[in-house]
C-alpha atoms as a PDB file:
ATOM      1  CA  MET A   1       0.056   0.019  -0.008  1.00  0.00           C
ATOM      2  CA  LYS A   2       1.336   3.437  -0.781  1.00  0.00           C
ATOM      3  CA  LEU A   3       1.274   6.600   0.870  1.00  0.00           C
ATOM      4  CA  PHE A   4       1.732   9.337  -1.196  1.00  0.00           C
ATOM      5  CA  VAL A   5       4.223  11.563   0.683  1.00  0.00           C
ATOM      6  CA  VAL A   6       5.174  13.959  -2.221  1.00  0.00           C
ATOM      7  CA  ALA A   7       1.345  14.773  -2.899  1.00  0.00           C
ATOM      8  CA  LEU A   8       0.755  15.113   0.696  1.00  0.00           C
ATOM      9  CA  THR A   9       3.859  17.742   1.128  1.00  0.00           C
ATOM     10  CA  LEU A  10       2.563  19.648  -1.792  1.00  0.00           C
ATOM     11  CA  LEU A  11      -0.641  19.961  -0.177  1.00  0.00           C
ATOM     12  CA  GLY A  12       0.729  20.735   3.499  1.00  0.00           C
ATOM     13  CA  LEU A  13      -0.887  17.521   4.560  1.00  0.00           C
ATOM     14  CA  VAL A  14       2.050  15.456   5.591  1.00  0.00           C
ATOM     15  CA  GLY A  15       0.877  12.441   7.896  1.00  0.00           C
ATOM     16  CA  THR A  16      -2.428  12.326   6.273  1.00  0.00           C
ATOM     17  CA  VAL A  17      -3.746   8.798   5.003  1.00  0.00           C
ATOM     18  CA  VAL A  18      -4.674   9.067   1.477  1.00  0.00           C
ATOM     19  CA  GLY A  19      -3.653   5.632   0.205  1.00  0.00           C
ATOM     20  CA  ASP A  20      -5.115   2.636   1.201  1.00  0.00           C
ATOM     21  CA  THR A  21      -3.918   1.130   4.313  1.00  0.00           C
ATOM     22  CA  ASN A  22      -4.397  -2.062   6.225  1.00  0.00           C
ATOM     23  CA  ALA A  23      -6.330  -1.684   9.713  1.00  0.00           C
ATOM     24  CA  THR A  24      -8.139  -3.888  12.152  1.00  0.00           C
ATOM     25  CA  THR A  25     -11.674  -3.210  13.629  1.00  0.00           C
ATOM     26  CA  THR A  26     -13.952  -3.803  16.607  1.00  0.00           C
ATOM     27  CA  GLY A  27     -17.091  -2.435  17.806  1.00  0.00           C
ATOM     28  CA  TYR A  28     -18.134  -0.482  20.910  1.00  0.00           C
ATOM     29  CA  TRP A  29     -21.258   1.610  22.315  1.00  0.00           C
ATOM     30  CA  ASP A  30     -20.480   2.969  25.688  1.00  0.00           C
ATOM     31  CA  CYS A  31     -22.786   6.076  25.584  1.00  0.00           C
ATOM     32  CA  CYS A  32     -19.975   8.368  26.752  1.00  0.00           C
ATOM     33  CA  LYS A  33     -19.358  11.684  25.394  1.00  0.00           C
ATOM     34  CA  PRO A  34     -16.959  11.119  22.385  1.00  0.00           C
ATOM     35  CA  SER A  35     -13.603  12.746  22.526  1.00  0.00           C
ATOM     36  CA  CYS A  36     -13.738  14.763  19.198  1.00  0.00           C
ATOM     37  CA  ALA A  37     -16.831  16.465  20.824  1.00  0.00           C
ATOM     38  CA  TRP A  38     -14.479  18.480  22.896  1.00  0.00           C
ATOM     39  CA  PRO A  39     -12.979  21.902  21.679  1.00  0.00           C
ATOM     40  CA  GLY A  40      -9.689  22.091  20.513  1.00  0.00           C
ATOM     41  CA  LYS A  41      -9.160  18.627  19.207  1.00  0.00           C
ATOM     42  CA  ALA A  42      -8.356  19.733  15.489  1.00  0.00           C
ATOM     43  CA  SER A  43      -8.724  22.678  13.076  1.00  0.00           C
ATOM     44  CA  LEU A  44     -12.213  22.809  12.089  1.00  0.00           C
ATOM     45  CA  LYS A  45     -14.722  24.756  10.049  1.00  0.00           C
ATOM     46  CA  THR A  46     -17.437  24.239  12.299  1.00  0.00           C
ATOM     47  CA  ARG A  47     -18.281  23.393  16.198  1.00  0.00           C
ATOM     48  CA  PRO A  48     -16.718  19.916  17.525  1.00  0.00           C
ATOM     49  CA  SER A  49     -18.900  16.861  16.966  1.00  0.00           C
ATOM     50  CA  LEU A  50     -21.950  16.976  18.843  1.00  0.00           C
ATOM     51  CA  ALA A  51     -22.734  15.161  22.202  1.00  0.00           C
ATOM     52  CA  CYS A  52     -26.326  14.692  23.794  1.00  0.00           C
ATOM     53  CA  ASP A  53     -27.740  15.011  27.024  1.00  0.00           C
ATOM     54  CA  ILE A  54     -29.549  12.142  28.952  1.00  0.00           C
ATOM     55  CA  HIS A  55     -32.574  12.366  26.786  1.00  0.00           C
ATOM     56  CA  ASP A  56     -30.461  12.206  23.493  1.00  0.00           C
ATOM     57  CA  LYS A  57     -30.931  15.994  22.657  1.00  0.00           C
ATOM     58  CA  PRO A  58     -28.012  17.710  21.292  1.00  0.00           C
ATOM     59  CA  ILE A  59     -25.951  19.744  23.725  1.00  0.00           C
ATOM     60  CA  GLN A  60     -24.488  23.043  22.250  1.00  0.00           C
ATOM     61  CA  ASP A  61     -21.976  23.519  24.929  1.00  0.00           C
ATOM     62  CA  ALA A  62     -18.952  21.582  23.877  1.00  0.00           C
ATOM     63  CA  ASN A  63     -17.354  22.102  27.301  1.00  0.00           C
ATOM     64  CA  ALA A  64     -20.175  20.089  28.864  1.00  0.00           C
ATOM     65  CA  TRP A  65     -18.757  17.037  30.996  1.00  0.00           C
ATOM     66  CA  SER A  66     -18.868  13.633  30.071  1.00  0.00           C
ATOM     67  CA  GLY A  67     -21.951  11.464  31.423  1.00  0.00           C
ATOM     68  CA  CYS A  68     -19.128   8.896  32.107  1.00  0.00           C
ATOM     69  CA  GLY A  69     -17.650  11.408  34.791  1.00  0.00           C
ATOM     70  CA  ASP A  70     -18.684  12.584  38.244  1.00  0.00           C
ATOM     71  CA  ASN A  71     -21.920  15.109  37.802  1.00  0.00           C
ATOM     72  CA  GLY A  72     -21.471  14.613  33.769  1.00  0.00           C
ATOM     73  CA  VAL A  73     -24.397  15.479  31.472  1.00  0.00           C
ATOM     74  CA  ALA A  74     -23.085  14.893  27.808  1.00  0.00           C
ATOM     75  CA  TYR A  75     -23.383  11.272  26.180  1.00  0.00           C
ATOM     76  CA  MET A  76     -23.001   9.663  22.883  1.00  0.00           C
ATOM     77  CA  CYS A  77     -25.948  10.640  20.719  1.00  0.00           C
ATOM     78  CA  SER A  78     -28.088   8.101  19.214  1.00  0.00           C
ATOM     79  CA  HIS A  79     -27.484   9.355  15.651  1.00  0.00           C
ATOM     80  CA  GLU A  80     -23.894   7.820  15.818  1.00  0.00           C
ATOM     81  CA  GLN A  81     -25.429   4.253  15.013  1.00  0.00           C
ATOM     82  CA  PRO A  82     -24.826   2.955  11.550  1.00  0.00           C
ATOM     83  CA  TRP A  83     -27.069   2.928   8.660  1.00  0.00           C
ATOM     84  CA  ALA A  84     -27.137   1.254   5.115  1.00  0.00           C
ATOM     85  CA  ILE A  85     -27.134   3.274   2.077  1.00  0.00           C
ATOM     86  CA  ASN A  86     -27.426   0.149  -0.050  1.00  0.00           C
ATOM     87  CA  LYS A  87     -26.443  -3.563   0.139  1.00  0.00           C
ATOM     88  CA  THR A  88     -22.591  -2.599  -0.129  1.00  0.00           C
ATOM     89  CA  LEU A  89     -22.400   0.758   1.116  1.00  0.00           C
ATOM     90  CA  ALA A  90     -23.096   1.891   4.746  1.00  0.00           C
ATOM     91  CA  TYR A  91     -22.227   5.050   6.912  1.00  0.00           C
ATOM     92  CA  GLY A  92     -21.317   5.366  10.363  1.00  0.00           C
ATOM     93  CA  PHE A  93     -19.160   6.747  13.102  1.00  0.00           C
ATOM     94  CA  ALA A  94     -15.918   5.326  14.917  1.00  0.00           C
ATOM     95  CA  ALA A  95     -13.548   5.638  17.353  1.00  0.00           C
ATOM     96  CA  VAL A  96     -10.037   5.715  15.732  1.00  0.00           C
ATOM     97  CA  LYS A  97      -6.165   5.571  16.157  1.00  0.00           C
ATOM     98  CA  ILE A  98      -4.019   5.895  13.153  1.00  0.00           C
ATOM     99  CA  ALA A  99      -0.382   5.384  13.295  1.00  0.00           C
ATOM    100  CA  GLY A 100       1.589   8.493  13.261  1.00  0.00           C
ATOM    101  CA  GLN A 101      -1.091  10.835  14.059  1.00  0.00           C
ATOM    102  CA  ASP A 102      -3.047  12.067  17.033  1.00  0.00           C
ATOM    103  CA  GLU A 103      -6.638  13.467  17.657  1.00  0.00           C
ATOM    104  CA  SER A 104      -5.575  16.615  15.376  1.00  0.00           C
ATOM    105  CA  GLY A 105      -5.150  14.370  12.368  1.00  0.00           C
ATOM    106  CA  TRP A 106      -8.379  12.391  12.771  1.00  0.00           C
ATOM    107  CA  CYS A 107     -10.960  13.936  14.880  1.00  0.00           C
ATOM    108  CA  CYS A 108     -13.968  14.466  12.434  1.00  0.00           C
ATOM    109  CA  ALA A 109     -12.065  13.076   9.501  1.00  0.00           C
ATOM    110  CA  CYS A 110     -13.981  10.408   7.194  1.00  0.00           C
ATOM    111  CA  TYR A 111     -12.583   7.098   6.426  1.00  0.00           C
ATOM    112  CA  GLU A 112     -13.785   4.487   3.582  1.00  0.00           C
ATOM    113  CA  LEU A 113     -13.207   1.260   5.045  1.00  0.00           C
ATOM    114  CA  THR A 114     -13.355  -1.630   2.608  1.00  0.00           C
ATOM    115  CA  PHE A 115     -13.735  -5.042   4.312  1.00  0.00           C
ATOM    116  CA  THR A 116     -11.328  -7.698   3.149  1.00  0.00           C
ATOM    117  CA  GLU A 117     -12.481 -10.771   4.675  1.00  0.00           C
ATOM    118  CA  GLY A 118     -15.716 -12.463   6.239  1.00  0.00           C
ATOM    119  CA  PRO A 119     -19.264 -12.259   4.771  1.00  0.00           C
ATOM    120  CA  VAL A 120     -18.810  -8.551   4.258  1.00  0.00           C
ATOM    121  CA  LYS A 121     -15.632  -8.841   2.094  1.00  0.00           C
ATOM    122  CA  GLY A 122     -15.755  -6.307  -0.661  1.00  0.00           C
ATOM    123  CA  LYS A 123     -18.673  -4.086   1.341  1.00  0.00           C
ATOM    124  CA  LYS A 124     -17.608  -0.342   2.259  1.00  0.00           C
ATOM    125  CA  PHE A 125     -18.511   1.559   5.536  1.00  0.00           C
ATOM    126  CA  VAL A 126     -17.553   5.418   5.516  1.00  0.00           C
ATOM    127  CA  VAL A 127     -16.960   6.274   8.972  1.00  0.00           C
ATOM    128  CA  GLN A 128     -16.512   9.747  10.925  1.00  0.00           C
ATOM    129  CA  ALA A 129     -13.852   9.490  13.618  1.00  0.00           C
ATOM    130  CA  THR A 130     -15.982  11.238  16.682  1.00  0.00           C
ATOM    131  CA  ASN A 131     -13.847   9.281  19.110  1.00  0.00           C
ATOM    132  CA  THR A 132     -10.430   8.126  20.272  1.00  0.00           C
ATOM    133  CA  GLY A 133      -9.385   4.646  21.500  1.00  0.00           C
ATOM    134  CA  GLY A 134      -6.751   5.248  24.135  1.00  0.00           C
ATOM    135  CA  ASP A 135      -6.463   1.376  24.188  1.00  0.00           C
ATOM    136  CA  LEU A 136      -6.593   0.703  20.531  1.00  0.00           C
ATOM    137  CA  GLN A 137      -3.595  -0.292  18.531  1.00  0.00           C
ATOM    138  CA  ASP A 138      -2.361   1.555  15.536  1.00  0.00           C
ATOM    139  CA  ASN A 139      -4.469   1.801  12.499  1.00  0.00           C
ATOM    140  CA  HIS A 140      -7.741   0.402  14.548  1.00  0.00           C
ATOM    141  CA  PHE A 141     -11.387   1.517  14.042  1.00  0.00           C
ATOM    142  CA  ASP A 142     -13.520   0.848  16.729  1.00  0.00           C
ATOM    143  CA  MET A 143     -17.120   1.102  14.978  1.00  0.00           C
ATOM    144  CA  ALA A 144     -19.894   2.755  16.945  1.00  0.00           C
ATOM    145  CA  ILE A 145     -22.633  -0.191  17.018  1.00  0.00           C
ATOM    146  CA  PRO A 146     -24.973  -0.327  19.764  1.00  0.00           C
ATOM    147  CA  GLY A 147     -25.161  -3.582  21.435  1.00  0.00           C
ATOM    148  CA  CYS A 148     -21.412  -4.209  20.568  1.00  0.00           C
ATOM    149  CA  GLY A 149     -20.165  -3.959  24.005  1.00  0.00           C
ATOM    150  CA  VAL A 150     -19.517  -0.680  26.288  1.00  0.00           C
ATOM    151  CA  GLY A 151     -15.808  -1.796  26.700  1.00  0.00           C
ATOM    152  CA  TYR A 152     -13.732  -0.033  29.606  1.00  0.00           C
ATOM    153  CA  LEU A 153     -16.074   2.844  30.150  1.00  0.00           C
ATOM    154  CA  ASN A 154     -19.921   2.441  30.570  1.00  0.00           C
ATOM    155  CA  GLY A 155     -22.264   5.362  30.296  1.00  0.00           C
ATOM    156  CA  CYS A 156     -25.163   3.328  29.201  1.00  0.00           C
ATOM    157  CA  THR A 157     -26.362   2.552  32.664  1.00  0.00           C
ATOM    158  CA  ALA A 158     -26.702   6.115  33.784  1.00  0.00           C
ATOM    159  CA  GLU A 159     -28.426   6.903  30.204  1.00  0.00           C
ATOM    160  CA  TYR A 160     -30.506   4.229  29.376  1.00  0.00           C
ATOM    161  CA  ASN A 161     -30.366   1.911  32.775  1.00  0.00           C
ATOM    162  CA  ALA A 162     -28.668  -0.707  30.957  1.00  0.00           C
ATOM    163  CA  PRO A 163     -27.111  -3.575  33.122  1.00  0.00           C
ATOM    164  CA  PRO A 164     -23.778  -2.964  34.949  1.00  0.00           C
ATOM    165  CA  ASP A 165     -21.830  -4.262  31.769  1.00  0.00           C
ATOM    166  CA  GLY A 166     -23.947  -2.884  29.307  1.00  0.00           C
ATOM    167  CA  TRP A 167     -26.193  -5.117  27.039  1.00  0.00           C
ATOM    168  CA  GLY A 168     -24.571  -8.667  26.770  1.00  0.00           C
ATOM    169  CA  LYS A 169     -21.048  -9.033  27.512  1.00  0.00           C
ATOM    170  CA  ARG A 170     -18.929  -5.872  28.529  1.00  0.00           C
ATOM    171  CA  TYR A 171     -16.549  -6.721  25.665  1.00  0.00           C
ATOM    172  CA  GLY A 172     -18.375  -8.076  22.413  1.00  0.00           C
ATOM    173  CA  GLY A 173     -22.046  -7.142  23.718  1.00  0.00           C
ATOM    174  CA  ILE A 174     -24.971  -9.195  22.579  1.00  0.00           C
ATOM    175  CA  SER A 175     -24.523 -12.245  20.592  1.00  0.00           C
ATOM    176  CA  GLN A 176     -27.684 -12.382  18.308  1.00  0.00           C
ATOM    177  CA  GLU A 177     -30.137 -10.273  16.470  1.00  0.00           C
ATOM    178  CA  SER A 178     -33.159 -11.122  18.754  1.00  0.00           C
ATOM    179  CA  GLU A 179     -31.359  -9.469  21.826  1.00  0.00           C
ATOM    180  CA  CYS A 180     -31.580  -6.102  20.136  1.00  0.00           C
ATOM    181  CA  SER A 181     -34.908  -6.011  21.637  1.00  0.00           C
ATOM    182  CA  GLU A 182     -33.152  -5.613  25.131  1.00  0.00           C
ATOM    183  CA  LEU A 183     -31.852  -2.194  23.966  1.00  0.00           C
ATOM    184  CA  PRO A 184     -33.759   0.988  23.841  1.00  0.00           C
ATOM    185  CA  LYS A 185     -35.827   1.414  20.634  1.00  0.00           C
ATOM    186  CA  LYS A 186     -33.953   4.364  19.655  1.00  0.00           C
ATOM    187  CA  LEU A 187     -30.829   2.245  19.201  1.00  0.00           C
ATOM    188  CA  GLN A 188     -32.418  -1.168  17.876  1.00  0.00           C
ATOM    189  CA  PRO A 189     -32.193  -0.026  14.296  1.00  0.00           C
ATOM    190  CA  GLY A 190     -28.155   0.406  14.676  1.00  0.00           C
ATOM    191  CA  CYS A 191     -27.991  -2.816  16.656  1.00  0.00           C
ATOM    192  CA  LYS A 192     -30.052  -4.866  13.860  1.00  0.00           C
ATOM    193  CA  TRP A 193     -27.573  -3.317  11.318  1.00  0.00           C
ATOM    194  CA  ARG A 194     -24.928  -5.477  12.849  1.00  0.00           C
ATOM    195  CA  TRP A 195     -26.792  -8.612  11.327  1.00  0.00           C
ATOM    196  CA  ASP A 196     -29.029  -7.009   8.575  1.00  0.00           C
ATOM    197  CA  TRP A 197     -26.077  -5.338   6.551  1.00  0.00           C
ATOM    198  CA  TYR A 198     -22.916  -6.156   8.535  1.00  0.00           C
ATOM    199  CA  LEU A 199     -24.071 -10.008   8.420  1.00  0.00           C
ATOM    200  CA  GLY A 200     -22.782 -10.836  11.863  1.00  0.00           C
ATOM    201  CA  ALA A 201     -19.079 -10.394  10.865  1.00  0.00           C
ATOM    202  CA  GLN A 202     -16.436 -10.996  13.571  1.00  0.00           C
ATOM    203  CA  ILE A 203     -14.079  -7.934  13.502  1.00  0.00           C
ATOM    204  CA  PRO A 204     -13.008  -8.240  10.162  1.00  0.00           C
ATOM    205  CA  ASP A 205      -9.831  -6.468   8.789  1.00  0.00           C
ATOM    206  CA  VAL A 206     -10.180  -3.647   6.264  1.00  0.00           C
ATOM    207  CA  THR A 207      -8.189  -1.335   4.119  1.00  0.00           C
ATOM    208  CA  PHE A 208      -8.865   2.154   4.547  1.00  0.00           C
ATOM    209  CA  LYS A 209      -8.227   5.753   2.989  1.00  0.00           C
ATOM    210  CA  ARG A 210      -9.224   9.273   4.111  1.00  0.00           C
ATOM    211  CA  VAL A 211     -12.067  10.612   1.992  1.00  0.00           C
ATOM    212  CA  LYS A 212     -14.382  13.748   2.126  1.00  0.00           C
ATOM    213  CA  CYS A 213     -17.047  13.328   4.454  1.00  0.00           C
ATOM    214  CA  PRO A 214     -20.515  12.565   3.111  1.00  0.00           C
ATOM    215  CA  LYS A 215     -23.224  15.434   3.879  1.00  0.00           C
ATOM    216  CA  ALA A 216     -25.415  12.861   5.365  1.00  0.00           C
ATOM    217  CA  ILE A 217     -22.785  12.192   8.246  1.00  0.00           C
ATOM    218  CA  THR A 218     -21.865  15.795   8.770  1.00  0.00           C
ATOM    219  CA  ASP A 219     -25.543  16.613   9.112  1.00  0.00           C
ATOM    220  CA  LYS A 220     -25.569  14.418  12.002  1.00  0.00           C
ATOM    221  CA  SER A 221     -22.339  15.317  13.762  1.00  0.00           C
ATOM    222  CA  GLN A 222     -22.247  18.833  12.620  1.00  0.00           C
ATOM    223  CA  CYS A 223     -18.511  18.755  12.551  1.00  0.00           C
ATOM    224  CA  ILE A 224     -16.459  19.559   9.432  1.00  0.00           C
ATOM    225  CA  ARG A 225     -12.678  19.550   9.310  1.00  0.00           C
ATOM    226  CA  ALA A 226     -10.545  22.581   7.935  1.00  0.00           C
ATOM    227  CA  ASP A 227      -8.625  20.363   5.583  1.00  0.00           C
ATOM    228  CA  GLU A 228     -11.830  18.661   4.207  1.00  0.00           C
ATOM    229  CA  ASP A 229     -11.979  20.284   0.735  1.00  0.00           C
ATOM    230  CA  SER A 230      -8.411  18.630   0.367  1.00  0.00           C
ATOM    231  CA  PHE A 231     -10.270  14.934  -0.360  1.00  0.00           C
ATOM    232  CA  SER A 232     -12.610  13.640  -2.749  1.00  0.00           C
ATOM    233  CA  GLY A 233     -15.687  11.594  -1.588  1.00  0.00           C
END
């Protein structure tokens, strides 16, 4: 795989991934305020990514404390769940860690993931990075999928009265589509997406490249990077 360093230098974008690169995936839904919803994470044209209150209403104050902390009021918005565009393309959001970069490089950037194995091989998933995986390896996309496990932090008990370890196992979440009924109704479409479009795949590897964010994604997150026009969709 190639990183077109010369072209990046001319664009003043050294360190930005533009060629297809290998990556790993996992899934999560911890209900916590996403890291890229805090101000000052990256150079933006707009506000940071939206967080929501305990009633899933957008919070305009980007400094609102996370519901996963003491006396916090900000949570992950239900609009971060994935949705299908057609049988081979879907949109969504993810927590991200990319080699050679930090949050200033990936917060609110969009990436086209192409699955390279399993039942979704060849399908494409365009995600916007709204969170950062502090426990992730380099070139890792932790896809935001309701019912896929809360992981280390759990804001779902406070926001939705979920069990102490979230729905299903703390890491991995529920194991079959019928268990999506245990989640709040507003999260069930994204939960069922895991089987309807994602075909129950088990954390398949992907290749990825930076792309211009689709309007359908930024309409939800309200976050657009300053360098967005340097990329094509």
